[in-house]
Amino acid sequence: MAKIKEIERTPNPDAMRFVLAEPLTNGTTRSFENAAEAEGDELASALFAIDNVINVYYVDKYVTVTQDGKAVWSELLRKLAPPIREAEPDNHEEDDSEVHVSKEAQESDDPRLQEINRMLDEQVRPYLLADGGGLKVLGLESNRLKVHYQGACGTCPTATTGTLYAIESMVKRIDPEIQVVSV
């Protein structure tokens, strides 16, 4: 059973991050944007069964839940805590190979895309995780890099402005012609 050590606000007013005493996964990231995607994942399915939950993102000792903005956090937190506390560690090490990079982007032989992913792994994703979210690269078509925010970052107002601008500035060091688009 997972013990909740802390509940933290994120930069997204519609997302909260639960910090656990023990890891649920060993580095494996789980990201779900709806109940259908969560099918087969016990924790995510239990959280989506709660009204107003629109996103579940978890890795290691962190569980981020995003709501639709219609619930009062004090009431919603009381409903979210039991399924999180009852969650058992996932010992299946089958990582979703597309959680951070789409299959198309993984199969790309474009050296710019490989360098961009390395840069995101080192300089961006750790900070997004600290705020309860992540970033998935969907692909690089000509000079247009498509990214998708996950977890708390998915509906966060600063993700589509400040963070996106910062990512684009970093990417322009790799290729000044690349434009970053959030989808």
Protein backbone atom coordinates (compact mmCIF):
# COMPACT_ATOMS: atom_id res chain seq x y z
CA MET A 1 0.00 0.00 0.00
CA ALA A 2 1.24 3.44 -0.92
CA LYS A 3 1.66 5.94 1.88
CA ILE A 4 1.07 9.56 0.91
CA LYS A 5 3.84 11.74 2.35
CA GLU A 6 2.72 15.05 0.89
CA ILE A 7 0.20 16.63 -1.42
CA GLU A 8 1.68 19.46 -3.45
CA ARG A 9 0.20 22.16 -5.60
CA THR A 10 1.56 22.40 -9.12
CA PRO A 11 1.83 25.49 -11.32
CA ASN A 12 -1.42 24.25 -12.87
CA PRO A 13 -4.31 25.23 -10.55
CA ASP A 14 -6.26 22.20 -11.79
CA ALA A 15 -3.59 19.62 -10.89
CA MET A 16 -2.23 18.25 -7.62
CA ARG A 17 0.80 16.04 -7.10
CA PHE A 18 0.86 13.29 -4.49
CA VAL A 19 4.32 12.42 -3.14
CA LEU A 20 4.52 8.84 -1.90
CA ALA A 21 6.82 7.21 0.65
CA GLU A 22 7.57 4.26 -1.65
CA PRO A 23 7.73 4.14 -5.46
CA LEU A 24 4.80 2.75 -7.44
CA THR A 25 7.04 2.21 -10.44
CA ASN A 26 10.77 1.94 -10.90
CA GLY A 27 11.26 4.67 -13.47
CA THR A 28 8.29 3.60 -15.57
CA THR A 29 6.07 6.55 -16.49
CA ARG A 30 2.31 6.13 -16.90
CA SER A 31 0.30 8.86 -18.63
CA PHE A 32 -3.47 8.69 -19.25
CA GLU A 33 -5.72 11.36 -20.72
CA ASN A 34 -9.02 9.53 -20.30
CA ALA A 35 -10.64 6.45 -18.77
CA ALA A 36 -10.39 4.47 -22.02
CA GLU A 37 -6.60 4.90 -22.11
CA ALA A 38 -6.45 3.84 -18.45
CA GLU A 39 -8.21 0.54 -19.06
CA GLY A 40 -6.05 -2.20 -17.60
CA ASP A 41 -4.27 0.14 -15.16
CA GLU A 42 -5.83 -0.36 -11.74
CA LEU A 43 -4.75 2.93 -10.17
CA ALA A 44 -5.58 5.15 -13.14
CA SER A 45 -8.95 3.44 -13.66
CA ALA A 46 -9.86 3.98 -10.00
CA LEU A 47 -8.93 7.66 -10.24
CA PHE A 48 -10.86 8.19 -13.49
CA ALA A 49 -13.92 6.66 -11.79
CA ILE A 50 -13.98 9.78 -9.59
CA ASP A 51 -15.99 12.68 -11.01
CA ASN A 52 -14.02 15.61 -12.47
CA VAL A 53 -10.73 13.68 -13.03
CA ILE A 54 -9.46 14.34 -16.57
CA ASN A 55 -5.81 13.22 -16.43
CA VAL A 56 -3.63 10.81 -14.44
CA TYR A 57 0.17 10.83 -14.65
CA TYR A 58 2.48 8.85 -12.41
CA VAL A 59 6.07 7.73 -12.11
CA ASP A 60 8.14 6.43 -9.20
CA LYS A 61 6.93 8.24 -6.03
CA TYR A 62 4.74 10.80 -7.76
CA VAL A 63 1.08 10.71 -8.80
CA THR A 64 -0.39 13.77 -10.50
CA VAL A 65 -4.13 14.10 -10.93
CA THR A 66 -5.70 16.83 -13.04
CA GLN A 67 -9.32 17.84 -12.67
CA ASP A 68 -11.67 19.71 -14.99
CA GLY A 69 -11.72 22.83 -12.78
CA LYS A 70 -15.26 22.21 -11.55
CA ALA A 71 -14.41 20.46 -8.27
CA VAL A 72 -13.34 21.95 -4.96
CA TRP A 73 -9.88 20.58 -4.20
CA SER A 74 -10.52 19.95 -0.49
CA GLU A 75 -13.45 17.67 -1.38
CA LEU A 76 -11.76 16.02 -4.36
CA LEU A 77 -8.56 15.24 -2.41
CA ARG A 78 -10.58 13.20 0.10
CA LYS A 79 -11.87 11.06 -2.79
CA LEU A 80 -8.48 10.71 -4.52
CA ALA A 81 -6.48 9.68 -1.46
CA PRO A 82 -8.00 6.19 -0.85
CA PRO A 83 -7.26 4.72 -4.32
CA ILE A 84 -3.75 6.18 -4.20
CA ARG A 85 -3.17 4.74 -0.72
CA GLU A 86 -4.47 1.33 -1.88
CA ALA A 87 -2.24 1.26 -4.96
CA GLU A 88 0.24 -1.58 -5.07
CA PRO A 89 3.70 -1.14 -6.60
CA ASP A 90 3.81 -2.09 -10.27
CA ASN A 91 6.49 -4.71 -10.60
CA HIS A 92 5.85 -5.15 -14.30
CA GLU A 93 8.68 -3.33 -15.96
CA GLU A 94 6.90 -3.02 -19.28
CA ASP A 95 7.43 0.66 -19.95
CA ASP A 96 5.26 2.41 -22.49
CA SER A 97 7.97 2.97 -25.07
CA GLU A 98 5.98 5.87 -26.49
CA VAL A 99 5.37 7.79 -23.27
CA HIS A 100 8.04 10.43 -24.08
CA VAL A 101 8.55 9.95 -27.81
CA SER A 102 6.08 8.70 -30.42
CA LYS A 103 6.93 5.60 -32.44
CA GLU A 104 7.34 7.75 -35.57
CA ALA A 105 9.81 10.03 -33.78
CA GLN A 106 11.72 7.04 -32.36
CA GLU A 107 12.10 5.57 -35.84
CA SER A 108 13.25 8.85 -37.37
CA ASP A 109 16.82 8.98 -38.60
CA ASP A 110 16.89 12.79 -38.37
CA PRO A 111 19.91 13.61 -36.17
CA ARG A 112 18.21 16.86 -35.07
CA LEU A 113 15.39 14.88 -33.49
CA GLN A 114 17.80 12.63 -31.62
CA GLU A 115 19.67 15.67 -30.30
CA ILE A 116 16.40 17.40 -29.34
CA ASN A 117 15.27 14.35 -27.35
CA ARG A 118 18.60 14.15 -25.55
CA MET A 119 18.34 17.85 -24.68
CA LEU A 120 14.73 17.45 -23.46
CA ASP A 121 15.74 14.46 -21.30
CA GLU A 122 18.55 16.42 -19.69
CA GLN A 123 17.20 19.98 -19.48
CA VAL A 124 13.40 19.96 -19.64
CA ARG A 125 11.69 16.72 -18.59
CA PRO A 126 13.19 16.65 -15.04
CA TYR A 127 11.74 20.11 -14.35
CA LEU A 128 8.36 19.24 -15.81
CA LEU A 129 8.29 16.10 -13.65
CA ALA A 130 8.99 18.25 -10.60
CA ASP A 131 5.84 20.20 -11.52
CA GLY A 132 3.79 17.01 -11.96
CA GLY A 133 3.99 16.52 -15.71
CA GLY A 134 5.95 15.54 -18.75
CA LEU A 135 6.49 16.14 -22.44
CA LYS A 136 6.07 13.81 -25.40
CA VAL A 137 7.69 14.46 -28.77
CA LEU A 138 5.26 13.54 -31.53
CA GLY A 139 7.52 14.22 -34.46
CA LEU A 140 9.60 16.59 -36.53
CA GLU A 141 8.13 17.35 -39.92
CA SER A 142 10.46 19.53 -41.94
CA ASN A 143 11.13 22.33 -39.44
CA ARG A 144 8.08 21.85 -37.25
CA LEU A 145 8.54 20.00 -33.96
CA LYS A 146 5.25 18.74 -32.51
CA VAL A 147 5.14 18.17 -28.76
CA HIS A 148 2.39 17.13 -26.38
CA TYR A 149 2.34 18.10 -22.70
CA GLN A 150 1.39 15.39 -20.17
CA GLY A 151 0.08 15.34 -16.62
CA ALA A 152 -0.22 18.71 -14.89
CA CYS A 153 1.49 20.35 -17.87
CA GLY A 154 -1.28 19.26 -20.26
CA THR A 155 -3.75 21.93 -19.18
CA CYS A 156 -1.37 24.38 -17.53
CA PRO A 157 -1.54 27.92 -18.89
CA THR A 158 2.23 28.45 -18.50
CA ALA A 159 3.06 25.32 -20.51
CA THR A 160 1.71 26.75 -23.74
CA THR A 161 3.42 30.08 -23.21
CA GLY A 162 6.56 30.29 -21.08
CA THR A 163 7.65 26.66 -21.18
CA LEU A 164 6.97 26.31 -24.88
CA TYR A 165 8.97 29.48 -25.57
CA ALA A 166 11.88 28.17 -23.47
CA ILE A 167 11.85 24.83 -25.31
CA GLU A 168 11.79 26.59 -28.66
CA SER A 169 14.75 28.75 -27.60
CA MET A 170 16.74 25.62 -26.69
CA VAL A 171 15.74 23.83 -29.89
CA LYS A 172 16.84 26.82 -31.98
CA ARG A 173 20.39 26.19 -30.75
CA ILE A 174 20.18 22.86 -32.56
CA ASP A 175 18.52 24.32 -35.65
CA PRO A 176 17.42 27.99 -35.81
CA GLU A 177 14.72 27.13 -38.36
CA ILE A 178 12.72 24.79 -36.08
CA GLN A 179 9.37 25.96 -34.80
CA VAL A 180 7.89 24.16 -31.76
CA VAL A 181 4.13 23.53 -31.72
CA SER A 182 2.12 22.10 -28.83
CA VAL A 183 -0.71 19.76 -29.88
